[in-house]
Amino acid sequence: MGSWLVLYGLLDPEPAPLDVGEVLFEHLTIRGFEMLEITLDDTRRRQAVDFVRDGLAKGDLTPVTDRTFPLDAIADTHRHLEAGGLVGKVAVAVPR
């Protein structure tokens, strides 16, 4: 009871499904979020960067990679991104 539902991201053009009964009975607070709230505020951006840097250093945050492509397959990378259904980030390996 008294939980928050935070909506983030617009990759799927379909409206997010919402069970109005669950909102009412669980006393949910709904909040939209977009990155500009943090990236345009110097203090909040610095706090976010520190949080991520510390989490990675301590092992509390583990990035999820959907797939890694070589640089010479950049067209395949774009096709994979446009197909959707990703879980994690897509990386491009750049040779040294």
PDB file of N, CA and C in Angstrom:
ATOM      1  N   MET A   1       0.837  -1.183   0.000  1.00  0.00           N
ATOM      2  CA  MET A   1       0.000   0.000   0.000  1.00  0.00           C
ATOM      3  C   MET A   1       0.877   1.239   0.000  1.00  0.00           C
ATOM      4  N   GLY A   2       0.454   2.237  -0.709  1.00  0.00           N
ATOM      5  CA  GLY A   2       1.180   3.489  -0.751  1.00  0.00           C
ATOM      6  C   GLY A   2       2.430   3.437  -1.601  1.00  0.00           C
ATOM      7  N   SER A   3       2.437   2.609  -2.647  1.00  0.00           N
ATOM      8  CA  SER A   3       3.604   2.457  -3.521  1.00  0.00           C
ATOM      9  C   SER A   3       3.617   3.512  -4.611  1.00  0.00           C
ATOM     10  N   TRP A   4       4.771   3.633  -5.243  1.00  0.00           N
ATOM     11  CA  TRP A   4       4.954   4.540  -6.374  1.00  0.00           C
ATOM     12  C   TRP A   4       5.084   3.723  -7.643  1.00  0.00           C
ATOM     13  N   LEU A   5       4.483   4.191  -8.712  1.00  0.00           N
ATOM     14  CA  LEU A   5       4.657   3.631 -10.045  1.00  0.00           C
ATOM     15  C   LEU A   5       5.325   4.717 -10.875  1.00  0.00           C
ATOM     16  N   VAL A   6       6.566   4.472 -11.306  1.00  0.00           N
ATOM     17  CA  VAL A   6       7.311   5.461 -12.086  1.00  0.00           C
ATOM     18  C   VAL A   6       7.337   4.983 -13.528  1.00  0.00           C
ATOM     19  N   LEU A   7       6.858   5.830 -14.437  1.00  0.00           N
ATOM     20  CA  LEU A   7       6.848   5.518 -15.867  1.00  0.00           C
ATOM     21  C   LEU A   7       8.013   6.242 -16.524  1.00  0.00           C
ATOM     22  N   TYR A   8       8.804   5.477 -17.284  1.00  0.00           N
ATOM     23  CA  TYR A   8       9.970   6.044 -17.947  1.00  0.00           C
ATOM     24  C   TYR A   8      10.142   5.381 -19.300  1.00  0.00           C
ATOM     25  N   GLY A   9      10.416   6.193 -20.308  1.00  0.00           N
ATOM     26  CA  GLY A   9      10.734   5.652 -21.623  1.00  0.00           C
ATOM     27  C   GLY A   9       9.568   5.705 -22.583  1.00  0.00           C
ATOM     28  N   LEU A  10       9.911   5.896 -23.850  1.00  0.00           N
ATOM     29  CA  LEU A  10       8.893   5.973 -24.900  1.00  0.00           C
ATOM     30  C   LEU A  10       9.258   5.115 -26.103  1.00  0.00           C
ATOM     31  N   LEU A  11       9.969   4.013 -25.873  1.00  0.00           N
ATOM     32  CA  LEU A  11      10.366   3.178 -27.007  1.00  0.00           C
ATOM     33  C   LEU A  11       9.171   2.509 -27.673  1.00  0.00           C
ATOM     34  N   ASP A  12       8.166   2.158 -26.877  1.00  0.00           N
ATOM     35  CA  ASP A  12       6.969   1.524 -27.416  1.00  0.00           C
ATOM     36  C   ASP A  12       5.915   2.611 -27.624  1.00  0.00           C
ATOM     37  N   PRO A  13       5.433   2.793 -28.852  1.00  0.00           N
ATOM     38  CA  PRO A  13       4.450   3.854 -29.099  1.00  0.00           C
ATOM     39  C   PRO A  13       3.070   3.566 -28.498  1.00  0.00           C
ATOM     40  N   GLU A  14       2.831   2.325 -28.060  1.00  0.00           N
ATOM     41  CA  GLU A  14       1.537   1.968 -27.477  1.00  0.00           C
ATOM     42  C   GLU A  14       1.417   2.561 -26.070  1.00  0.00           C
ATOM     43  N   PRO A  15       0.199   2.953 -25.680  1.00  0.00           N
ATOM     44  CA  PRO A  15       0.003   3.447 -24.308  1.00  0.00           C
ATOM     45  C   PRO A  15       0.342   2.363 -23.281  1.00  0.00           C
ATOM     46  N   ALA A  16       0.871   2.785 -22.142  1.00  0.00           N
ATOM     47  CA  ALA A  16       1.167   1.840 -21.063  1.00  0.00           C
ATOM     48  C   ALA A  16      -0.144   1.340 -20.472  1.00  0.00           C
ATOM     49  N   PRO A  17      -0.281   0.008 -20.310  1.00  0.00           N
ATOM     50  CA  PRO A  17      -1.515  -0.516 -19.706  1.00  0.00           C
ATOM     51  C   PRO A  17      -1.576  -0.100 -18.241  1.00  0.00           C
ATOM     52  N   LEU A  18      -2.771   0.244 -17.798  1.00  0.00           N
ATOM     53  CA  LEU A  18      -2.931   0.696 -16.425  1.00  0.00           C
ATOM     54  C   LEU A  18      -4.208   0.115 -15.844  1.00  0.00           C
ATOM     55  N   ASP A  19      -4.072  -0.637 -14.779  1.00  0.00           N
ATOM     56  CA  ASP A  19      -5.213  -1.219 -14.075  1.00  0.00           C
ATOM     57  C   ASP A  19      -5.682  -0.195 -13.040  1.00  0.00           C
ATOM     58  N   VAL A  20      -6.768   0.503 -13.354  1.00  0.00           N
ATOM     59  CA  VAL A  20      -7.265   1.562 -12.481  1.00  0.00           C
ATOM     60  C   VAL A  20      -7.627   1.014 -11.097  1.00  0.00           C
ATOM     61  N   GLY A  21      -8.157  -0.198 -11.039  1.00  0.00           N
ATOM     62  CA  GLY A  21      -8.473  -0.814  -9.750  1.00  0.00           C
ATOM     63  C   GLY A  21      -7.241  -0.955  -8.880  1.00  0.00           C
ATOM     64  N   GLU A  22      -6.133  -1.387  -9.496  1.00  0.00           N
ATOM     65  CA  GLU A  22      -4.888  -1.535  -8.734  1.00  0.00           C
ATOM     66  C   GLU A  22      -4.396  -0.179  -8.227  1.00  0.00           C
ATOM     67  N   VAL A  23      -4.525   0.847  -9.054  1.00  0.00           N
ATOM     68  CA  VAL A  23      -4.128   2.195  -8.633  1.00  0.00           C
ATOM     69  C   VAL A  23      -4.930   2.611  -7.407  1.00  0.00           C
ATOM     70  N   LEU A  24      -6.233   2.395  -7.463  1.00  0.00           N
ATOM     71  CA  LEU A  24      -7.103   2.807  -6.357  1.00  0.00           C
ATOM     72  C   LEU A  24      -6.877   1.971  -5.097  1.00  0.00           C
ATOM     73  N   PHE A  25      -6.904   0.646  -5.242  1.00  0.00           N
ATOM     74  CA  PHE A  25      -6.840  -0.224  -4.074  1.00  0.00           C
ATOM     75  C   PHE A  25      -5.457  -0.285  -3.433  1.00  0.00           C
ATOM     76  N   GLU A  26      -4.422  -0.066  -4.218  1.00  0.00           N
ATOM     77  CA  GLU A  26      -3.054  -0.083  -3.679  1.00  0.00           C
ATOM     78  C   GLU A  26      -2.562   1.318  -3.316  1.00  0.00           C
ATOM     79  N   HIS A  27      -3.413   2.314  -3.540  1.00  0.00           N
ATOM     80  CA  HIS A  27      -3.057   3.718  -3.253  1.00  0.00           C
ATOM     81  C   HIS A  27      -1.746   4.105  -3.941  1.00  0.00           C
ATOM     82  N   LEU A  28      -1.680   3.806  -5.229  1.00  0.00           N
ATOM     83  CA  LEU A  28      -0.476   4.103  -6.002  1.00  0.00           C
ATOM     84  C   LEU A  28      -0.368   5.589  -6.313  1.00  0.00           C
ATOM     85  N   THR A  29       0.849   6.082  -6.296  1.00  0.00           N
ATOM     86  CA  THR A  29       1.169   7.407  -6.797  1.00  0.00           C
ATOM     87  C   THR A  29       1.881   7.193  -8.131  1.00  0.00           C
ATOM     88  N   ILE A  30       1.403   7.828  -9.187  1.00  0.00           N
ATOM     89  CA  ILE A  30       1.976   7.651 -10.518  1.00  0.00           C
ATOM     90  C   ILE A  30       2.796   8.888 -10.861  1.00  0.00           C
ATOM     91  N   ARG A  31       4.007   8.663 -11.349  1.00  0.00           N
ATOM     92  CA  ARG A  31       4.916   9.766 -11.682  1.00  0.00           C
ATOM     93  C   ARG A  31       5.610   9.478 -12.982  1.00  0.00           C
ATOM     94  N   GLY A  32       5.517  10.407 -13.928  1.00  0.00           N
ATOM     95  CA  GLY A  32       6.289  10.298 -15.158  1.00  0.00           C
ATOM     96  C   GLY A  32       7.694  10.825 -14.900  1.00  0.00           C
ATOM     97  N   PHE A  33       8.659  10.305 -15.633  1.00  0.00           N
ATOM     98  CA  PHE A  33      10.052  10.717 -15.453  1.00  0.00           C
ATOM     99  C   PHE A  33      10.716  10.796 -16.811  1.00  0.00           C
ATOM    100  N   GLU A  34      11.480  11.827 -17.033  1.00  0.00           N
ATOM    101  CA  GLU A  34      12.307  11.914 -18.243  1.00  0.00           C
ATOM    102  C   GLU A  34      13.671  12.477 -17.862  1.00  0.00           C
ATOM    103  N   MET A  35      14.690  12.073 -18.587  1.00  0.00           N
ATOM    104  CA  MET A  35      16.084  12.348 -18.233  1.00  0.00           C
ATOM    105  C   MET A  35      16.435  13.828 -18.107  1.00  0.00           C
ATOM    106  N   LEU A  36      15.722  14.707 -18.803  1.00  0.00           N
ATOM    107  CA  LEU A  36      16.067  16.124 -18.742  1.00  0.00           C
ATOM    108  C   LEU A  36      15.948  16.687 -17.331  1.00  0.00           C
ATOM    109  N   GLU A  37      15.128  16.053 -16.488  1.00  0.00           N
ATOM    110  CA  GLU A  37      15.022  16.493 -15.092  1.00  0.00           C
ATOM    111  C   GLU A  37      16.373  16.430 -14.401  1.00  0.00           C
ATOM    112  N   ILE A  38      17.200  15.496 -14.802  1.00  0.00           N
ATOM    113  CA  ILE A  38      18.512  15.330 -14.183  1.00  0.00           C
ATOM    114  C   ILE A  38      19.611  15.954 -15.031  1.00  0.00           C
ATOM    115  N   THR A  39      19.573  15.724 -16.338  1.00  0.00           N
ATOM    116  CA  THR A  39      20.687  16.163 -17.176  1.00  0.00           C
ATOM    117  C   THR A  39      20.798  17.680 -17.296  1.00  0.00           C
ATOM    118  N   LEU A  40      19.706  18.405 -17.095  1.00  0.00           N
ATOM    119  CA  LEU A  40      19.766  19.866 -17.188  1.00  0.00           C
ATOM    120  C   LEU A  40      20.042  20.539 -15.848  1.00  0.00           C
ATOM    121  N   ASP A  41      20.104  19.765 -14.774  1.00  0.00           N
ATOM    122  CA  ASP A  41      20.366  20.303 -13.442  1.00  0.00           C
ATOM    123  C   ASP A  41      21.752  19.822 -13.001  1.00  0.00           C
ATOM    124  N   ASP A  42      22.711  20.756 -12.895  1.00  0.00           N
ATOM    125  CA  ASP A  42      24.103  20.383 -12.604  1.00  0.00           C
ATOM    126  C   ASP A  42      24.241  19.565 -11.316  1.00  0.00           C
ATOM    127  N   THR A  43      23.552  19.949 -10.261  1.00  0.00           N
ATOM    128  CA  THR A  43      23.661  19.243  -8.987  1.00  0.00           C
ATOM    129  C   THR A  43      23.096  17.832  -9.091  1.00  0.00           C
ATOM    130  N   ARG A  44      21.907  17.701  -9.657  1.00  0.00           N
ATOM    131  CA  ARG A  44      21.288  16.375  -9.783  1.00  0.00           C
ATOM    132  C   ARG A  44      22.082  15.481 -10.733  1.00  0.00           C
ATOM    133  N   ARG A  45      22.634  16.065 -11.805  1.00  0.00           N
ATOM    134  CA  ARG A  45      23.442  15.274 -12.741  1.00  0.00           C
ATOM    135  C   ARG A  45      24.690  14.748 -12.038  1.00  0.00           C
ATOM    136  N   ARG A  46      25.369  15.591 -11.271  1.00  0.00           N
ATOM    137  CA  ARG A  46      26.573  15.181 -10.548  1.00  0.00           C
ATOM    138  C   ARG A  46      26.237  14.073  -9.537  1.00  0.00           C
ATOM    139  N   GLN A  47      25.107  14.211  -8.840  1.00  0.00           N
ATOM    140  CA  GLN A  47      24.682  13.173  -7.891  1.00  0.00           C
ATOM    141  C   GLN A  47      24.399  11.853  -8.609  1.00  0.00           C
ATOM    142  N   ALA A  48      23.766  11.931  -9.770  1.00  0.00           N
ATOM    143  CA  ALA A  48      23.449  10.725 -10.537  1.00  0.00           C
ATOM    144  C   ALA A  48      24.722  10.035 -11.025  1.00  0.00           C
ATOM    145  N   VAL A  49      25.666  10.819 -11.529  1.00  0.00           N
ATOM    146  CA  VAL A  49      26.935  10.258 -12.010  1.00  0.00           C
ATOM    147  C   VAL A  49      27.683   9.603 -10.852  1.00  0.00           C
ATOM    148  N   ASP A  50      27.728  10.264  -9.700  1.00  0.00           N
ATOM    149  CA  ASP A  50      28.397   9.695  -8.534  1.00  0.00           C
ATOM    150  C   ASP A  50      27.722   8.397  -8.086  1.00  0.00           C
ATOM    151  N   PHE A  51      26.385   8.380  -8.100  1.00  0.00           N
ATOM    152  CA  PHE A  51      25.635   7.187  -7.713  1.00  0.00           C
ATOM    153  C   PHE A  51      25.980   6.008  -8.626  1.00  0.00           C
ATOM    154  N   VAL A  52      25.984   6.252  -9.934  1.00  0.00           N
ATOM    155  CA  VAL A  52      26.281   5.178 -10.887  1.00  0.00           C
ATOM    156  C   VAL A  52      27.739   4.748 -10.765  1.00  0.00           C
ATOM    157  N   ARG A  53      28.660   5.706 -10.696  1.00  0.00           N
ATOM    158  CA  ARG A  53      30.092   5.384 -10.578  1.00  0.00           C
ATOM    159  C   ARG A  53      30.348   4.546  -9.326  1.00  0.00           C
ATOM    160  N   ASP A  54      29.777   4.954  -8.193  1.00  0.00           N
ATOM    161  CA  ASP A  54      29.964   4.205  -6.947  1.00  0.00           C
ATOM    162  C   ASP A  54      29.332   2.813  -7.032  1.00  0.00           C
ATOM    163  N   GLY A  55      28.129   2.737  -7.613  1.00  0.00           N
ATOM    164  CA  GLY A  55      27.457   1.452  -7.750  1.00  0.00           C
ATOM    165  C   GLY A  55      28.222   0.477  -8.617  1.00  0.00           C
ATOM    166  N   LEU A  56      28.820   0.973  -9.693  1.00  0.00           N
ATOM    167  CA  LEU A  56      29.629   0.116 -10.560  1.00  0.00           C
ATOM    168  C   LEU A  56      30.895  -0.335  -9.831  1.00  0.00           C
ATOM    169  N   ALA A  57      31.543   0.601  -9.117  1.00  0.00           N
ATOM    170  CA  ALA A  57      32.780   0.278  -8.409  1.00  0.00           C
ATOM    171  C   ALA A  57      32.535  -0.768  -7.316  1.00  0.00           C
ATOM    172  N   LYS A  58      31.408  -0.681  -6.616  1.00  0.00           N
ATOM    173  CA  LYS A  58      31.089  -1.612  -5.531  1.00  0.00           C
ATOM    174  C   LYS A  58      30.473  -2.911  -6.032  1.00  0.00           C
ATOM    175  N   GLY A  59      30.087  -2.948  -7.301  1.00  0.00           N
ATOM    176  CA  GLY A  59      29.437  -4.135  -7.852  1.00  0.00           C
ATOM    177  C   GLY A  59      27.946  -4.190  -7.561  1.00  0.00           C
ATOM    178  N   ASP A  60      27.399  -3.081  -7.013  1.00  0.00           N
ATOM    179  CA  ASP A  60      25.958  -3.040  -6.739  1.00  0.00           C
ATOM    180  C   ASP A  60      25.142  -2.862  -8.015  1.00  0.00           C
ATOM    181  N   LEU A  61      25.727  -2.246  -9.027  1.00  0.00           N
ATOM    182  CA  LEU A  61      25.079  -2.053 -10.326  1.00  0.00           C
ATOM    183  C   LEU A  61      25.810  -2.892 -11.357  1.00  0.00           C
ATOM    184  N   THR A  62      25.075  -3.686 -12.089  1.00  0.00           N
ATOM    185  CA  THR A  62      25.664  -4.527 -13.127  1.00  0.00           C
ATOM    186  C   THR A  62      24.954  -4.234 -14.443  1.00  0.00           C
ATOM    187  N   PRO A  63      25.647  -3.588 -15.378  1.00  0.00           N
ATOM    188  CA  PRO A  63      25.000  -3.288 -16.659  1.00  0.00           C
ATOM    189  C   PRO A  63      24.601  -4.569 -17.401  1.00  0.00           C
ATOM    190  N   VAL A  64      23.479  -4.514 -18.087  1.00  0.00           N
ATOM    191  CA  VAL A  64      23.007  -5.650 -18.881  1.00  0.00           C
ATOM    192  C   VAL A  64      23.232  -5.300 -20.347  1.00  0.00           C
ATOM    193  N   THR A  65      23.956  -6.157 -21.045  1.00  0.00           N
ATOM    194  CA  THR A  65      24.221  -5.952 -22.469  1.00  0.00           C
ATOM    195  C   THR A  65      23.380  -6.935 -23.263  1.00  0.00           C
ATOM    196  N   ASP A  66      22.535  -6.395 -24.148  1.00  0.00           N
ATOM    197  CA  ASP A  66      21.711  -7.233 -25.010  1.00  0.00           C
ATOM    198  C   ASP A  66      22.582  -7.930 -26.054  1.00  0.00           C
ATOM    199  N   ARG A  67      23.457  -7.140 -26.670  1.00  0.00           N
ATOM    200  CA  ARG A  67      24.296  -7.681 -27.742  1.00  0.00           C
ATOM    201  C   ARG A  67      25.421  -6.708 -28.056  1.00  0.00           C
ATOM    202  N   THR A  68      26.552  -7.237 -28.510  1.00  0.00           N
ATOM    203  CA  THR A  68      27.686  -6.415 -28.927  1.00  0.00           C
ATOM    204  C   THR A  68      27.963  -6.689 -30.405  1.00  0.00           C
ATOM    205  N   PHE A  69      28.107  -5.618 -31.172  1.00  0.00           N
ATOM    206  CA  PHE A  69      28.393  -5.718 -32.605  1.00  0.00           C
ATOM    207  C   PHE A  69      29.772  -5.149 -32.890  1.00  0.00           C
ATOM    208  N   PRO A  70      30.476  -5.688 -33.889  1.00  0.00           N
ATOM    209  CA  PRO A  70      31.720  -5.041 -34.318  1.00  0.00           C
ATOM    210  C   PRO A  70      31.385  -3.764 -35.103  1.00  0.00           C
ATOM    211  N   LEU A  71      32.298  -2.830 -35.110  1.00  0.00           N
ATOM    212  CA  LEU A  71      32.066  -1.559 -35.784  1.00  0.00           C
ATOM    213  C   LEU A  71      31.712  -1.750 -37.259  1.00  0.00           C
ATOM    214  N   ASP A  72      32.325  -2.725 -37.921  1.00  0.00           N
ATOM    215  CA  ASP A  72      32.046  -2.907 -39.353  1.00  0.00           C
ATOM    216  C   ASP A  72      30.656  -3.503 -39.622  1.00  0.00           C
ATOM    217  N   ALA A  73      29.898  -3.793 -38.556  1.00  0.00           N
ATOM    218  CA  ALA A  73      28.530  -4.284 -38.716  1.00  0.00           C
ATOM    219  C   ALA A  73      27.530  -3.251 -38.195  1.00  0.00           C
ATOM    220  N   ILE A  74      27.857  -1.989 -38.366  1.00  0.00           N
ATOM    221  CA  ILE A  74      27.025  -0.925 -37.805  1.00  0.00           C
ATOM    222  C   ILE A  74      25.606  -0.935 -38.393  1.00  0.00           C
ATOM    223  N   ALA A  75      25.470  -1.313 -39.656  1.00  0.00           N
ATOM    224  CA  ALA A  75      24.133  -1.392 -40.262  1.00  0.00           C
ATOM    225  C   ALA A  75      23.311  -2.479 -39.565  1.00  0.00           C
ATOM    226  N   ASP A  76      23.939  -3.613 -39.242  1.00  0.00           N
ATOM    227  CA  ASP A  76      23.245  -4.673 -38.500  1.00  0.00           C
ATOM    228  C   ASP A  76      22.854  -4.188 -37.101  1.00  0.00           C
ATOM    229  N   THR A  77      23.713  -3.370 -36.511  1.00  0.00           N
ATOM    230  CA  THR A  77      23.424  -2.804 -35.196  1.00  0.00           C
ATOM    231  C   THR A  77      22.144  -1.973 -35.256  1.00  0.00           C
ATOM    232  N   HIS A  78      22.046  -1.117 -36.247  1.00  0.00           N
ATOM    233  CA  HIS A  78      20.856  -0.270 -36.389  1.00  0.00           C
ATOM    234  C   HIS A  78      19.603  -1.113 -36.635  1.00  0.00           C
ATOM    235  N   ARG A  79      19.708  -2.132 -37.461  1.00  0.00           N
ATOM    236  CA  ARG A  79      18.557  -3.000 -37.712  1.00  0.00           C
ATOM    237  C   ARG A  79      18.110  -3.680 -36.417  1.00  0.00           C
ATOM    238  N   HIS A  80      19.071  -4.120 -35.624  1.00  0.00           N
ATOM    239  CA  HIS A  80      18.756  -4.776 -34.352  1.00  0.00           C
ATOM    240  C   HIS A  80      18.043  -3.797 -33.415  1.00  0.00           C
ATOM    241  N   LEU A  81      18.526  -2.570 -33.343  1.00  0.00           N
ATOM    242  CA  LEU A  81      17.896  -1.555 -32.491  1.00  0.00           C
ATOM    243  C   LEU A  81      16.479  -1.244 -32.972  1.00  0.00           C
ATOM    244  N   GLU A  82      16.321  -1.093 -34.268  1.00  0.00           N
ATOM    245  CA  GLU A  82      15.009  -0.731 -34.821  1.00  0.00           C
ATOM    246  C   GLU A  82      13.992  -1.855 -34.680  1.00  0.00           C
ATOM    247  N   ALA A  83      14.458  -3.109 -34.583  1.00  0.00           N
ATOM    248  CA  ALA A  83      13.555  -4.246 -34.445  1.00  0.00           C
ATOM    249  C   ALA A  83      12.882  -4.258 -33.073  1.00  0.00           C
ATOM    250  N   GLY A  84      13.503  -3.600 -32.092  1.00  0.00           N
ATOM    251  CA  GLY A  84      12.926  -3.538 -30.744  1.00  0.00           C
ATOM    252  C   GLY A  84      13.099  -4.846 -29.996  1.00  0.00           C
ATOM    253  N   GLY A  85      12.464  -4.933 -28.848  1.00  0.00           N
ATOM    254  CA  GLY A  85      12.526  -6.145 -28.043  1.00  0.00           C
ATOM    255  C   GLY A  85      13.834  -6.344 -27.308  1.00  0.00           C
ATOM    256  N   LEU A  86      14.608  -5.283 -27.149  1.00  0.00           N
ATOM    257  CA  LEU A  86      15.901  -5.400 -26.481  1.00  0.00           C
ATOM    258  C   LEU A  86      15.730  -5.558 -24.981  1.00  0.00           C
ATOM    259  N   VAL A  87      16.650  -6.283 -24.391  1.00  0.00           N
ATOM    260  CA  VAL A  87      16.768  -6.339 -22.936  1.00  0.00           C
ATOM    261  C   VAL A  87      18.209  -5.964 -22.631  1.00  0.00           C
ATOM    262  N   GLY A  88      18.422  -4.743 -22.212  1.00  0.00           N
ATOM    263  CA  GLY A  88      19.774  -4.257 -21.964  1.00  0.00           C
ATOM    264  C   GLY A  88      20.211  -3.317 -23.076  1.00  0.00           C
ATOM    265  N   LYS A  89      21.474  -2.963 -23.024  1.00  0.00           N
ATOM    266  CA  LYS A  89      22.065  -2.040 -23.973  1.00  0.00           C
ATOM    267  C   LYS A  89      22.718  -2.778 -25.128  1.00  0.00           C
ATOM    268  N   VAL A  90      22.838  -2.078 -26.231  1.00  0.00           N
ATOM    269  CA  VAL A  90      23.558  -2.603 -27.388  1.00  0.00           C
ATOM    270  C   VAL A  90      24.881  -1.857 -27.463  1.00  0.00           C
ATOM    271  N   ALA A  91      25.960  -2.611 -27.604  1.00  0.00           N
ATOM    272  CA  ALA A  91      27.301  -2.014 -27.642  1.00  0.00           C
ATOM    273  C   ALA A  91      27.914  -2.211 -29.017  1.00  0.00           C
ATOM    274  N   VAL A  92      28.778  -1.270 -29.388  1.00  0.00           N
ATOM    275  CA  VAL A  92      29.556  -1.376 -30.627  1.00  0.00           C
ATOM    276  C   VAL A  92      31.031  -1.425 -30.224  1.00  0.00           C
ATOM    277  N   ALA A  93      31.719  -2.498 -30.617  1.00  0.00           N
ATOM    278  CA  ALA A  93      33.133  -2.655 -30.305  1.00  0.00           C
ATOM    279  C   ALA A  93      33.962  -1.896 -31.322  1.00  0.00           C
ATOM    280  N   VAL A  94      34.725  -0.931 -30.845  1.00  0.00           N
ATOM    281  CA  VAL A  94      35.576  -0.109 -31.715  1.00  0.00           C
ATOM    282  C   VAL A  94      37.004  -0.608 -31.581  1.00  0.00           C
ATOM    283  N   PRO A  95      37.632  -0.996 -32.706  1.00  0.00           N
ATOM    284  CA  PRO A  95      39.022  -1.509 -32.623  1.00  0.00           C
ATOM    285  C   PRO A  95      39.963  -0.401 -32.174  1.00  0.00           C
ATOM    286  N   ARG A  96      41.018  -0.816 -31.489  1.00  0.00           N
ATOM    287  CA  ARG A  96      42.029   0.150 -31.010  1.00  0.00           C
ATOM    288  C   ARG A  96      43.009   0.474 -32.087  1.00  0.00           C
TER     289      ARG A  96
END
